[in-house]
Amino acid sequence: VGRCIRGCAEIGGTWWRSFGFAEDWHEKGFTVAAPQAKMVELARKYGQGAIYRFYRARAGSTKTSCAAPFMRATVPASLPDTEADVPVAPCAAPALARARADWTPER
């Protein structure tokens, strides 16, 4: 996270803590708002294969029940051929322990 804070300061970006999860997985992380080219440069510097870019989909451009879904684009950094655009629709949090931001592994 320290590298993220310094990297954001260098390029004039903003960051906040975030996380990813599944039924058997939880990863603490962060999200950054900054110019894409600068983020790809930072991702390469720190050995990231790709980054995600979120954007609002055009109305009617996806087959979801949400009127204005977001899209998540996978943007290659160090790993080529990873491009993908998938719809992301808001939903209620699932009843999974790992879906909570404050989840920590049992010891």
PDB file of N, CA and C in Angstrom:
ATOM      1  N   VAL A   1       0.832  -1.191   0.000  1.00  0.00           N
ATOM      2  CA  VAL A   1       0.000   0.000   0.000  1.00  0.00           C
ATOM      3  C   VAL A   1       0.874   1.250   0.000  1.00  0.00           C
ATOM      4  N   GLY A   2       2.009   1.191   0.661  1.00  0.00           N
ATOM      5  CA  GLY A   2       2.909   2.345   0.686  1.00  0.00           C
ATOM      6  C   GLY A   2       3.350   2.748  -0.705  1.00  0.00           C
ATOM      7  N   ARG A   3       3.655   1.756  -1.556  1.00  0.00           N
ATOM      8  CA  ARG A   3       4.055   2.054  -2.935  1.00  0.00           C
ATOM      9  C   ARG A   3       2.901   2.687  -3.694  1.00  0.00           C
ATOM     10  N   CYS A   4       1.692   2.233  -3.403  1.00  0.00           N
ATOM     11  CA  CYS A   4       0.506   2.804  -4.057  1.00  0.00           C
ATOM     12  C   CYS A   4       0.343   4.272  -3.688  1.00  0.00           C
ATOM     13  N   ILE A   5       0.491   4.580  -2.402  1.00  0.00           N
ATOM     14  CA  ILE A   5       0.348   5.962  -1.941  1.00  0.00           C
ATOM     15  C   ILE A   5       1.385   6.849  -2.623  1.00  0.00           C
ATOM     16  N   ARG A   6       2.636   6.391  -2.640  1.00  0.00           N
ATOM     17  CA  ARG A   6       3.688   7.173  -3.297  1.00  0.00           C
ATOM     18  C   ARG A   6       3.441   7.290  -4.795  1.00  0.00           C
ATOM     19  N   GLY A   7       3.034   6.184  -5.436  1.00  0.00           N
ATOM     20  CA  GLY A   7       2.766   6.197  -6.874  1.00  0.00           C
ATOM     21  C   GLY A   7       1.626   7.136  -7.220  1.00  0.00           C
ATOM     22  N   CYS A   8       0.574   7.133  -6.413  1.00  0.00           N
ATOM     23  CA  CYS A   8      -0.559   8.038  -6.652  1.00  0.00           C
ATOM     24  C   CYS A   8      -0.137   9.483  -6.494  1.00  0.00           C
ATOM     25  N   ALA A   9       0.671   9.758  -5.496  1.00  0.00           N
ATOM     26  CA  ALA A   9       1.135  11.124  -5.283  1.00  0.00           C
ATOM     27  C   ALA A   9       1.948  11.608  -6.492  1.00  0.00           C
ATOM     28  N   GLU A  10       2.749  10.712  -7.059  1.00  0.00           N
ATOM     29  CA  GLU A  10       3.587  11.073  -8.208  1.00  0.00           C
ATOM     30  C   GLU A  10       2.765  11.411  -9.451  1.00  0.00           C
ATOM     31  N   ILE A  11       1.616  10.761  -9.630  1.00  0.00           N
ATOM     32  CA  ILE A  11       0.837  10.966 -10.854  1.00  0.00           C
ATOM     33  C   ILE A  11      -0.463  11.744 -10.621  1.00  0.00           C
ATOM     34  N   GLY A  12      -0.676  12.219  -9.406  1.00  0.00           N
ATOM     35  CA  GLY A  12      -1.865  13.002  -9.110  1.00  0.00           C
ATOM     36  C   GLY A  12      -3.140  12.181  -9.003  1.00  0.00           C
ATOM     37  N   GLY A  13      -3.023  10.915  -8.659  1.00  0.00           N
ATOM     38  CA  GLY A  13      -4.182  10.037  -8.545  1.00  0.00           C
ATOM     39  C   GLY A  13      -4.749   9.995  -7.135  1.00  0.00           C
ATOM     40  N   THR A  14      -5.826   9.243  -6.991  1.00  0.00           N
ATOM     41  CA  THR A  14      -6.488   9.029  -5.703  1.00  0.00           C
ATOM     42  C   THR A  14      -6.629   7.531  -5.494  1.00  0.00           C
ATOM     43  N   TRP A  15      -6.540   7.068  -4.263  1.00  0.00           N
ATOM     44  CA  TRP A  15      -6.699   5.639  -3.999  1.00  0.00           C
ATOM     45  C   TRP A  15      -7.549   5.414  -2.759  1.00  0.00           C
ATOM     46  N   TRP A  16      -8.137   4.230  -2.675  1.00  0.00           N
ATOM     47  CA  TRP A  16      -8.884   3.818  -1.480  1.00  0.00           C
ATOM     48  C   TRP A  16      -8.770   2.302  -1.339  1.00  0.00           C
ATOM     49  N   ARG A  17      -8.929   1.832  -0.118  1.00  0.00           N
ATOM     50  CA  ARG A  17      -8.845   0.392   0.151  1.00  0.00           C
ATOM     51  C   ARG A  17     -10.064  -0.311  -0.433  1.00  0.00           C
ATOM     52  N   SER A  18      -9.836  -1.501  -0.972  1.00  0.00           N
ATOM     53  CA  SER A  18     -10.911  -2.322  -1.505  1.00  0.00           C
ATOM     54  C   SER A  18     -10.504  -3.787  -1.310  1.00  0.00           C
ATOM     55  N   PHE A  19     -11.329  -4.712  -1.755  1.00  0.00           N
ATOM     56  CA  PHE A  19     -11.002  -6.125  -1.611  1.00  0.00           C
ATOM     57  C   PHE A  19     -11.764  -6.945  -2.634  1.00  0.00           C
ATOM     58  N   GLY A  20     -11.262  -8.137  -2.887  1.00  0.00           N
ATOM     59  CA  GLY A  20     -11.940  -9.099  -3.744  1.00  0.00           C
ATOM     60  C   GLY A  20     -12.257 -10.328  -2.911  1.00  0.00           C
ATOM     61  N   PHE A  21     -13.282 -11.080  -3.321  1.00  0.00           N
ATOM     62  CA  PHE A  21     -13.655 -12.261  -2.540  1.00  0.00           C
ATOM     63  C   PHE A  21     -14.398 -13.275  -3.387  1.00  0.00           C
ATOM     64  N   ALA A  22     -14.438 -14.470  -2.899  1.00  0.00           N
ATOM     65  CA  ALA A  22     -15.268 -15.563  -3.398  1.00  0.00           C
ATOM     66  C   ALA A  22     -15.612 -16.391  -2.160  1.00  0.00           C
ATOM     67  N   GLU A  23     -16.308 -17.486  -2.341  1.00  0.00           N
ATOM     68  CA  GLU A  23     -16.706 -18.304  -1.191  1.00  0.00           C
ATOM     69  C   GLU A  23     -15.510 -18.795  -0.380  1.00  0.00           C
ATOM     70  N   ASP A  24     -14.385 -19.075  -1.061  1.00  0.00           N
ATOM     71  CA  ASP A  24     -13.214 -19.628  -0.382  1.00  0.00           C
ATOM     72  C   ASP A  24     -11.972 -18.753  -0.505  1.00  0.00           C
ATOM     73  N   TRP A  25     -12.155 -17.466  -0.761  1.00  0.00           N
ATOM     74  CA  TRP A  25     -11.016 -16.595  -1.035  1.00  0.00           C
ATOM     75  C   TRP A  25     -11.358 -15.159  -0.643  1.00  0.00           C
ATOM     76  N   HIS A  26     -10.371 -14.418  -0.131  1.00  0.00           N
ATOM     77  CA  HIS A  26     -10.528 -13.000   0.218  1.00  0.00           C
ATOM     78  C   HIS A  26      -9.158 -12.352   0.085  1.00  0.00           C
ATOM     79  N   GLU A  27      -9.083 -11.268  -0.668  1.00  0.00           N
ATOM     80  CA  GLU A  27      -7.815 -10.571  -0.861  1.00  0.00           C
ATOM     81  C   GLU A  27      -7.997  -9.085  -0.618  1.00  0.00           C
ATOM     82  N   LYS A  28      -7.271  -8.568   0.366  1.00  0.00           N
ATOM     83  CA  LYS A  28      -7.263  -7.131   0.624  1.00  0.00           C
ATOM     84  C   LYS A  28      -6.508  -6.443  -0.508  1.00  0.00           C
ATOM     85  N   GLY A  29      -6.947  -5.274  -0.879  1.00  0.00           N
ATOM     86  CA  GLY A  29      -6.282  -4.560  -1.956  1.00  0.00           C
ATOM     87  C   GLY A  29      -6.624  -3.092  -1.930  1.00  0.00           C
ATOM     88  N   PHE A  30      -6.564  -2.466  -3.083  1.00  0.00           N
ATOM     89  CA  PHE A  30      -6.876  -1.048  -3.192  1.00  0.00           C
ATOM     90  C   PHE A  30      -7.344  -0.758  -4.602  1.00  0.00           C
ATOM     91  N   THR A  31      -8.025   0.361  -4.752  1.00  0.00           N
ATOM     92  CA  THR A  31      -8.501   0.839  -6.041  1.00  0.00           C
ATOM     93  C   THR A  31      -7.899   2.218  -6.257  1.00  0.00           C
ATOM     94  N   VAL A  32      -7.541   2.506  -7.497  1.00  0.00           N
ATOM     95  CA  VAL A  32      -6.886   3.767  -7.833  1.00  0.00           C
ATOM     96  C   VAL A  32      -7.656   4.473  -8.945  1.00  0.00           C
ATOM     97  N   ALA A  33      -7.817   5.778  -8.805  1.00  0.00           N
ATOM     98  CA  ALA A  33      -8.366   6.616  -9.874  1.00  0.00           C
ATOM     99  C   ALA A  33      -7.214   7.477 -10.384  1.00  0.00           C
ATOM    100  N   ALA A  34      -6.784   7.201 -11.612  1.00  0.00           N
ATOM    101  CA  ALA A  34      -5.642   7.909 -12.200  1.00  0.00           C
ATOM    102  C   ALA A  34      -5.639   7.636 -13.704  1.00  0.00           C
ATOM    103  N   PRO A  35      -4.847   8.377 -14.461  1.00  0.00           N
ATOM    104  CA  PRO A  35      -4.767   8.119 -15.894  1.00  0.00           C
ATOM    105  C   PRO A  35      -4.327   6.678 -16.189  1.00  0.00           C
ATOM    106  N   GLN A  36      -5.022   6.024 -17.134  1.00  0.00           N
ATOM    107  CA  GLN A  36      -4.756   4.614 -17.427  1.00  0.00           C
ATOM    108  C   GLN A  36      -3.306   4.351 -17.804  1.00  0.00           C
ATOM    109  N   ALA A  37      -2.730   5.168 -18.662  1.00  0.00           N
ATOM    110  CA  ALA A  37      -1.349   4.944 -19.105  1.00  0.00           C
ATOM    111  C   ALA A  37      -0.381   4.965 -17.925  1.00  0.00           C
ATOM    112  N   LYS A  38      -0.611   5.868 -16.977  1.00  0.00           N
ATOM    113  CA  LYS A  38       0.249   5.941 -15.789  1.00  0.00           C
ATOM    114  C   LYS A  38       0.069   4.702 -14.917  1.00  0.00           C
ATOM    115  N   MET A  39      -1.171   4.198 -14.811  1.00  0.00           N
ATOM    116  CA  MET A  39      -1.422   3.011 -13.996  1.00  0.00           C
ATOM    117  C   MET A  39      -0.792   1.773 -14.626  1.00  0.00           C
ATOM    118  N   VAL A  40      -0.844   1.659 -15.945  1.00  0.00           N
ATOM    119  CA  VAL A  40      -0.199   0.527 -16.622  1.00  0.00           C
ATOM    120  C   VAL A  40       1.312   0.599 -16.395  1.00  0.00           C
ATOM    121  N   GLU A  41       1.861   1.795 -16.459  1.00  0.00           N
ATOM    122  CA  GLU A  41       3.303   1.983 -16.203  1.00  0.00           C
ATOM    123  C   GLU A  41       3.662   1.521 -14.786  1.00  0.00           C
ATOM    124  N   LEU A  42       2.874   1.945 -13.797  1.00  0.00           N
ATOM    125  CA  LEU A  42       3.121   1.515 -12.414  1.00  0.00           C
ATOM    126  C   LEU A  42       2.936   0.009 -12.261  1.00  0.00           C
ATOM    127  N   ALA A  43       1.915  -0.548 -12.911  1.00  0.00           N
ATOM    128  CA  ALA A  43       1.668  -1.991 -12.830  1.00  0.00           C
ATOM    129  C   ALA A  43       2.867  -2.760 -13.377  1.00  0.00           C
ATOM    130  N   ARG A  44       3.407  -2.314 -14.486  1.00  0.00           N
ATOM    131  CA  ARG A  44       4.597  -2.976 -15.049  1.00  0.00           C
ATOM    132  C   ARG A  44       5.779  -2.860 -14.095  1.00  0.00           C
ATOM    133  N   LYS A  45       5.939  -1.687 -13.509  1.00  0.00           N
ATOM    134  CA  LYS A  45       7.054  -1.456 -12.580  1.00  0.00           C
ATOM    135  C   LYS A  45       7.024  -2.450 -11.423  1.00  0.00           C
ATOM    136  N   TYR A  46       5.822  -2.802 -10.951  1.00  0.00           N
ATOM    137  CA  TYR A  46       5.695  -3.699  -9.809  1.00  0.00           C
ATOM    138  C   TYR A  46       5.280  -5.118 -10.197  1.00  0.00           C
ATOM    139  N   GLY A  47       5.419  -5.470 -11.489  1.00  0.00           N
ATOM    140  CA  GLY A  47       5.221  -6.842 -11.927  1.00  0.00           C
ATOM    141  C   GLY A  47       3.777  -7.326 -11.986  1.00  0.00           C
ATOM    142  N   GLN A  48       2.816  -6.412 -12.090  1.00  0.00           N
ATOM    143  CA  GLN A  48       1.415  -6.814 -12.205  1.00  0.00           C
ATOM    144  C   GLN A  48       1.140  -7.263 -13.641  1.00  0.00           C
ATOM    145  N   GLY A  49       0.397  -8.342 -13.786  1.00  0.00           N
ATOM    146  CA  GLY A  49       0.063  -8.841 -15.112  1.00  0.00           C
ATOM    147  C   GLY A  49      -0.907  -7.951 -15.849  1.00  0.00           C
ATOM    148  N   ALA A  50      -1.881  -7.412 -15.103  1.00  0.00           N
ATOM    149  CA  ALA A  50      -2.915  -6.576 -15.713  1.00  0.00           C
ATOM    150  C   ALA A  50      -3.536  -5.704 -14.635  1.00  0.00           C
ATOM    151  N   ILE A  51      -4.324  -4.744 -15.074  1.00  0.00           N
ATOM    152  CA  ILE A  51      -5.094  -3.906 -14.150  1.00  0.00           C
ATOM    153  C   ILE A  51      -6.542  -3.930 -14.608  1.00  0.00           C
ATOM    154  N   TYR A  52      -7.439  -3.550 -13.741  1.00  0.00           N
ATOM    155  CA  TYR A  52      -8.844  -3.400 -14.111  1.00  0.00           C
ATOM    156  C   TYR A  52      -9.153  -1.924 -14.305  1.00  0.00           C
ATOM    157  N   ARG A  53      -9.968  -1.645 -15.292  1.00  0.00           N
ATOM    158  CA  ARG A  53     -10.491  -0.293 -15.517  1.00  0.00           C
ATOM    159  C   ARG A  53     -12.006  -0.410 -15.495  1.00  0.00           C
ATOM    160  N   PHE A  54     -12.654   0.392 -14.684  1.00  0.00           N
ATOM    161  CA  PHE A  54     -14.107   0.377 -14.585  1.00  0.00           C
ATOM    162  C   PHE A  54     -14.672   1.573 -15.342  1.00  0.00           C
ATOM    163  N   TYR A  55     -15.762   1.346 -16.045  1.00  0.00           N
ATOM    164  CA  TYR A  55     -16.416   2.435 -16.760  1.00  0.00           C
ATOM    165  C   TYR A  55     -17.911   2.140 -16.874  1.00  0.00           C
ATOM    166  N   ARG A  56     -18.686   3.189 -17.071  1.00  0.00           N
ATOM    167  CA  ARG A  56     -20.133   3.026 -17.199  1.00  0.00           C
ATOM    168  C   ARG A  56     -20.443   2.553 -18.619  1.00  0.00           C
ATOM    169  N   ALA A  57     -21.247   1.503 -18.723  1.00  0.00           N
ATOM    170  CA  ALA A  57     -21.637   0.976 -20.029  1.00  0.00           C
ATOM    171  C   ALA A  57     -22.683   1.877 -20.672  1.00  0.00           C
ATOM    172  N   ARG A  58     -22.699   1.881 -21.984  1.00  0.00           N
ATOM    173  CA  ARG A  58     -23.745   2.604 -22.701  1.00  0.00           C
ATOM    174  C   ARG A  58     -25.072   1.900 -22.457  1.00  0.00           C
ATOM    175  N   ALA A  59     -26.129   2.640 -22.305  1.00  0.00           N
ATOM    176  CA  ALA A  59     -27.459   2.071 -22.061  1.00  0.00           C
ATOM    177  C   ALA A  59     -27.801   1.056 -23.148  1.00  0.00           C
ATOM    178  N   GLY A  60     -28.264  -0.123 -22.716  1.00  0.00           N
ATOM    179  CA  GLY A  60     -28.662  -1.159 -23.651  1.00  0.00           C
ATOM    180  C   GLY A  60     -27.524  -1.942 -24.269  1.00  0.00           C
ATOM    181  N   SER A  61     -26.274  -1.679 -23.846  1.00  0.00           N
ATOM    182  CA  SER A  61     -25.134  -2.357 -24.474  1.00  0.00           C
ATOM    183  C   SER A  61     -24.796  -3.696 -23.830  1.00  0.00           C
ATOM    184  N   THR A  62     -25.432  -4.034 -22.702  1.00  0.00           N
ATOM    185  CA  THR A  62     -25.179  -5.314 -22.055  1.00  0.00           C
ATOM    186  C   THR A  62     -26.494  -6.018 -21.774  1.00  0.00           C
ATOM    187  N   LYS A  63     -26.417  -7.301 -21.536  1.00  0.00           N
ATOM    188  CA  LYS A  63     -27.613  -8.101 -21.274  1.00  0.00           C
ATOM    189  C   LYS A  63     -27.748  -8.366 -19.777  1.00  0.00           C
ATOM    190  N   THR A  64     -27.881  -7.295 -18.990  1.00  0.00           N
ATOM    191  CA  THR A  64     -28.101  -7.433 -17.561  1.00  0.00           C
ATOM    192  C   THR A  64     -29.425  -6.765 -17.221  1.00  0.00           C
ATOM    193  N   SER A  65     -29.919  -7.026 -16.021  1.00  0.00           N
ATOM    194  CA  SER A  65     -31.178  -6.413 -15.605  1.00  0.00           C
ATOM    195  C   SER A  65     -30.977  -4.991 -15.101  1.00  0.00           C
ATOM    196  N   CYS A  66     -29.758  -4.548 -14.982  1.00  0.00           N
ATOM    197  CA  CYS A  66     -29.449  -3.204 -14.488  1.00  0.00           C
ATOM    198  C   CYS A  66     -29.511  -2.210 -15.643  1.00  0.00           C
ATOM    199  N   ALA A  67     -30.187  -1.101 -15.448  1.00  0.00           N
ATOM    200  CA  ALA A  67     -30.353  -0.113 -16.515  1.00  0.00           C
ATOM    201  C   ALA A  67     -29.031   0.547 -16.910  1.00  0.00           C
ATOM    202  N   ALA A  68     -28.128   0.742 -15.982  1.00  0.00           N
ATOM    203  CA  ALA A  68     -26.860   1.410 -16.291  1.00  0.00           C
ATOM    204  C   ALA A  68     -25.714   0.664 -15.615  1.00  0.00           C
ATOM    205  N   PRO A  69     -25.407  -0.553 -16.088  1.00  0.00           N
ATOM    206  CA  PRO A  69     -24.332  -1.314 -15.434  1.00  0.00           C
ATOM    207  C   PRO A  69     -22.967  -0.708 -15.713  1.00  0.00           C
ATOM    208  N   PHE A  70     -22.043  -1.107 -14.898  1.00  0.00           N
ATOM    209  CA  PHE A  70     -20.654  -0.747 -15.120  1.00  0.00           C
ATOM    210  C   PHE A  70     -19.994  -1.885 -15.872  1.00  0.00           C
ATOM    211  N   MET A  71     -18.897  -1.589 -16.502  1.00  0.00           N
ATOM    212  CA  MET A  71     -18.100  -2.608 -17.166  1.00  0.00           C
ATOM    213  C   MET A  71     -16.734  -2.643 -16.480  1.00  0.00           C
ATOM    214  N   ARG A  72     -16.139  -3.832 -16.466  1.00  0.00           N
ATOM    215  CA  ARG A  72     -14.785  -3.979 -15.950  1.00  0.00           C
ATOM    216  C   ARG A  72     -13.924  -4.462 -17.109  1.00  0.00           C
ATOM    217  N   ALA A  73     -12.986  -3.618 -17.492  1.00  0.00           N
ATOM    218  CA  ALA A  73     -12.057  -3.976 -18.556  1.00  0.00           C
ATOM    219  C   ALA A  73     -10.763  -4.473 -17.932  1.00  0.00           C
ATOM    220  N   THR A  74     -10.251  -5.584 -18.434  1.00  0.00           N
ATOM    221  CA  THR A  74      -8.934  -6.057 -18.032  1.00  0.00           C
ATOM    222  C   THR A  74      -7.944  -5.464 -19.024  1.00  0.00           C
ATOM    223  N   VAL A  75      -7.001  -4.686 -18.509  1.00  0.00           N
ATOM    224  CA  VAL A  75      -6.032  -3.976 -19.335  1.00  0.00           C
ATOM    225  C   VAL A  75      -4.660  -4.608 -19.101  1.00  0.00           C
ATOM    226  N   PRO A  76      -4.030  -5.170 -20.133  1.00  0.00           N
ATOM    227  CA  PRO A  76      -2.728  -5.809 -19.964  1.00  0.00           C
ATOM    228  C   PRO A  76      -1.659  -4.840 -19.468  1.00  0.00           C
ATOM    229  N   ALA A  77      -0.782  -5.346 -18.625  1.00  0.00           N
ATOM    230  CA  ALA A  77       0.400  -4.589 -18.191  1.00  0.00           C
ATOM    231  C   ALA A  77       1.615  -5.444 -18.557  1.00  0.00           C
ATOM    232  N   SER A  78       1.962  -6.429 -17.720  1.00  0.00           N
ATOM    233  CA  SER A  78       3.098  -7.310 -17.995  1.00  0.00           C
ATOM    234  C   SER A  78       2.688  -8.626 -18.648  1.00  0.00           C
ATOM    235  N   LEU A  79       1.389  -8.900 -18.721  1.00  0.00           N
ATOM    236  CA  LEU A  79       0.895 -10.168 -19.267  1.00  0.00           C
ATOM    237  C   LEU A  79       0.042  -9.882 -20.500  1.00  0.00           C
ATOM    238  N   PRO A  80       0.539 -10.192 -21.705  1.00  0.00           N
ATOM    239  CA  PRO A  80      -0.217  -9.872 -22.914  1.00  0.00           C
ATOM    240  C   PRO A  80      -1.457 -10.752 -23.076  1.00  0.00           C
ATOM    241  N   ASP A  81      -2.341 -10.331 -23.949  1.00  0.00           N
ATOM    242  CA  ASP A  81      -3.537 -11.097 -24.313  1.00  0.00           C
ATOM    243  C   ASP A  81      -4.466 -11.369 -23.130  1.00  0.00           C
ATOM    244  N   THR A  82      -4.618 -10.382 -22.280  1.00  0.00           N
ATOM    245  CA  THR A  82      -5.530 -10.530 -21.133  1.00  0.00           C
ATOM    246  C   THR A  82      -6.735  -9.611 -21.240  1.00  0.00           C
ATOM    247  N   GLU A  83      -6.922  -8.982 -22.402  1.00  0.00           N
ATOM    248  CA  GLU A  83      -8.022  -8.047 -22.572  1.00  0.00           C
ATOM    249  C   GLU A  83      -9.364  -8.750 -22.399  1.00  0.00           C
ATOM    250  N   ALA A  84     -10.264  -8.115 -21.662  1.00  0.00           N
ATOM    251  CA  ALA A  84     -11.627  -8.622 -21.490  1.00  0.00           C
ATOM    252  C   ALA A  84     -12.491  -7.490 -20.973  1.00  0.00           C
ATOM    253  N   ASP A  85     -13.735  -7.478 -21.377  1.00  0.00           N
ATOM    254  CA  ASP A  85     -14.713  -6.521 -20.867  1.00  0.00           C
ATOM    255  C   ASP A  85     -15.896  -7.333 -20.352  1.00  0.00           C
ATOM    256  N   VAL A  86     -16.209  -7.184 -19.071  1.00  0.00           N
ATOM    257  CA  VAL A  86     -17.320  -7.927 -18.480  1.00  0.00           C
ATOM    258  C   VAL A  86     -18.245  -6.961 -17.748  1.00  0.00           C
ATOM    259  N   PRO A  87     -19.561  -7.200 -17.794  1.00  0.00           N
ATOM    260  CA  PRO A  87     -20.492  -6.327 -17.079  1.00  0.00           C
ATOM    261  C   PRO A  87     -20.403  -6.540 -15.569  1.00  0.00           C
ATOM    262  N   VAL A  88     -20.580  -5.460 -14.827  1.00  0.00           N
ATOM    263  CA  VAL A  88     -20.590  -5.499 -13.370  1.00  0.00           C
ATOM    264  C   VAL A  88     -21.878  -4.805 -12.931  1.00  0.00           C
ATOM    265  N   ALA A  89     -22.777  -5.553 -12.327  1.00  0.00           N
ATOM    266  CA  ALA A  89     -24.059  -4.996 -11.909  1.00  0.00           C
ATOM    267  C   ALA A  89     -24.115  -4.931 -10.382  1.00  0.00           C
ATOM    268  N   PRO A  90     -24.662  -3.868  -9.837  1.00  0.00           N
ATOM    269  CA  PRO A  90     -24.810  -3.769  -8.382  1.00  0.00           C
ATOM    270  C   PRO A  90     -25.742  -4.863  -7.869  1.00  0.00           C
ATOM    271  N   CYS A  91     -25.453  -5.363  -6.687  1.00  0.00           N
ATOM    272  CA  CYS A  91     -26.298  -6.381  -6.074  1.00  0.00           C
ATOM    273  C   CYS A  91     -26.121  -6.307  -4.558  1.00  0.00           C
ATOM    274  N   ALA A  92     -26.999  -6.970  -3.857  1.00  0.00           N
ATOM    275  CA  ALA A  92     -26.872  -7.044  -2.399  1.00  0.00           C
ATOM    276  C   ALA A  92     -25.669  -7.921  -2.060  1.00  0.00           C
ATOM    277  N   ALA A  93     -25.042  -7.623  -0.943  1.00  0.00           N
ATOM    278  CA  ALA A  93     -23.904  -8.433  -0.511  1.00  0.00           C
ATOM    279  C   ALA A  93     -24.362  -9.860  -0.250  1.00  0.00           C
ATOM    280  N   PRO A  94     -23.636 -10.852  -0.745  1.00  0.00           N
ATOM    281  CA  PRO A  94     -24.014 -12.241  -0.494  1.00  0.00           C
ATOM    282  C   PRO A  94     -23.777 -12.627   0.970  1.00  0.00           C
ATOM    283  N   ALA A  95     -24.435 -13.663   1.405  1.00  0.00           N
ATOM    284  CA  ALA A  95     -24.299 -14.132   2.791  1.00  0.00           C
ATOM    285  C   ALA A  95     -23.056 -15.006   2.925  1.00  0.00           C
ATOM    286  N   LEU A  96     -21.913 -14.420   2.663  1.00  0.00           N
ATOM    287  CA  LEU A  96     -20.629 -15.108   2.783  1.00  0.00           C
ATOM    288  C   LEU A  96     -19.762 -14.329   3.763  1.00  0.00           C
ATOM    289  N   ALA A  97     -19.110 -15.012   4.661  1.00  0.00           N
ATOM    290  CA  ALA A  97     -18.234 -14.328   5.621  1.00  0.00           C
ATOM    291  C   ALA A  97     -17.172 -13.517   4.897  1.00  0.00           C
ATOM    292  N   ARG A  98     -16.598 -14.085   3.824  1.00  0.00           N
ATOM    293  CA  ARG A  98     -15.517 -13.400   3.104  1.00  0.00           C
ATOM    294  C   ARG A  98     -15.983 -12.194   2.293  1.00  0.00           C
ATOM    295  N   ALA A  99     -17.281 -11.970   2.211  1.00  0.00           N
ATOM    296  CA  ALA A  99     -17.817 -10.806   1.497  1.00  0.00           C
ATOM    297  C   ALA A  99     -17.763  -9.543   2.343  1.00  0.00           C
ATOM    298  N   ARG A 100     -17.366  -9.675   3.603  1.00  0.00           N
ATOM    299  CA  ARG A 100     -17.268  -8.517   4.501  1.00  0.00           C
ATOM    300  C   ARG A 100     -15.869  -7.912   4.414  1.00  0.00           C
ATOM    301  N   ALA A 101     -15.798  -6.595   4.339  1.00  0.00           N
ATOM    302  CA  ALA A 101     -14.499  -5.904   4.243  1.00  0.00           C
ATOM    303  C   ALA A 101     -13.612  -6.178   5.452  1.00  0.00           C
ATOM    304  N   ASP A 102     -14.220  -6.415   6.627  1.00  0.00           N
ATOM    305  CA  ASP A 102     -13.431  -6.635   7.844  1.00  0.00           C
ATOM    306  C   ASP A 102     -13.109  -8.108   8.097  1.00  0.00           C
ATOM    307  N   TRP A 103     -13.354  -8.994   7.121  1.00  0.00           N
ATOM    308  CA  TRP A 103     -13.065 -10.414   7.299  1.00  0.00           C
ATOM    309  C   TRP A 103     -11.577 -10.644   7.518  1.00  0.00           C
ATOM    310  N   THR A 104     -11.245 -11.511   8.453  1.00  0.00           N
ATOM    311  CA  THR A 104      -9.853 -11.934   8.675  1.00  0.00           C
ATOM    312  C   THR A 104      -9.852 -13.445   8.846  1.00  0.00           C
ATOM    313  N   PRO A 105      -8.782 -14.110   8.438  1.00  0.00           N
ATOM    314  CA  PRO A 105      -8.730 -15.576   8.561  1.00  0.00           C
ATOM    315  C   PRO A 105      -8.719 -16.008  10.024  1.00  0.00           C
ATOM    316  N   GLU A 106      -9.324 -17.155  10.269  1.00  0.00           N
ATOM    317  CA  GLU A 106      -9.270 -17.724  11.624  1.00  0.00           C
ATOM    318  C   GLU A 106      -7.891 -18.302  11.838  1.00  0.00           C
ATOM    319  N   ARG A 107      -7.421 -18.202  13.048  1.00  0.00           N
ATOM    320  CA  ARG A 107      -6.082 -18.736  13.346  1.00  0.00           C
ATOM    321  C   ARG A 107      -6.165 -20.062  14.005  1.00  0.00           C
TER     322      ARG A 107
END
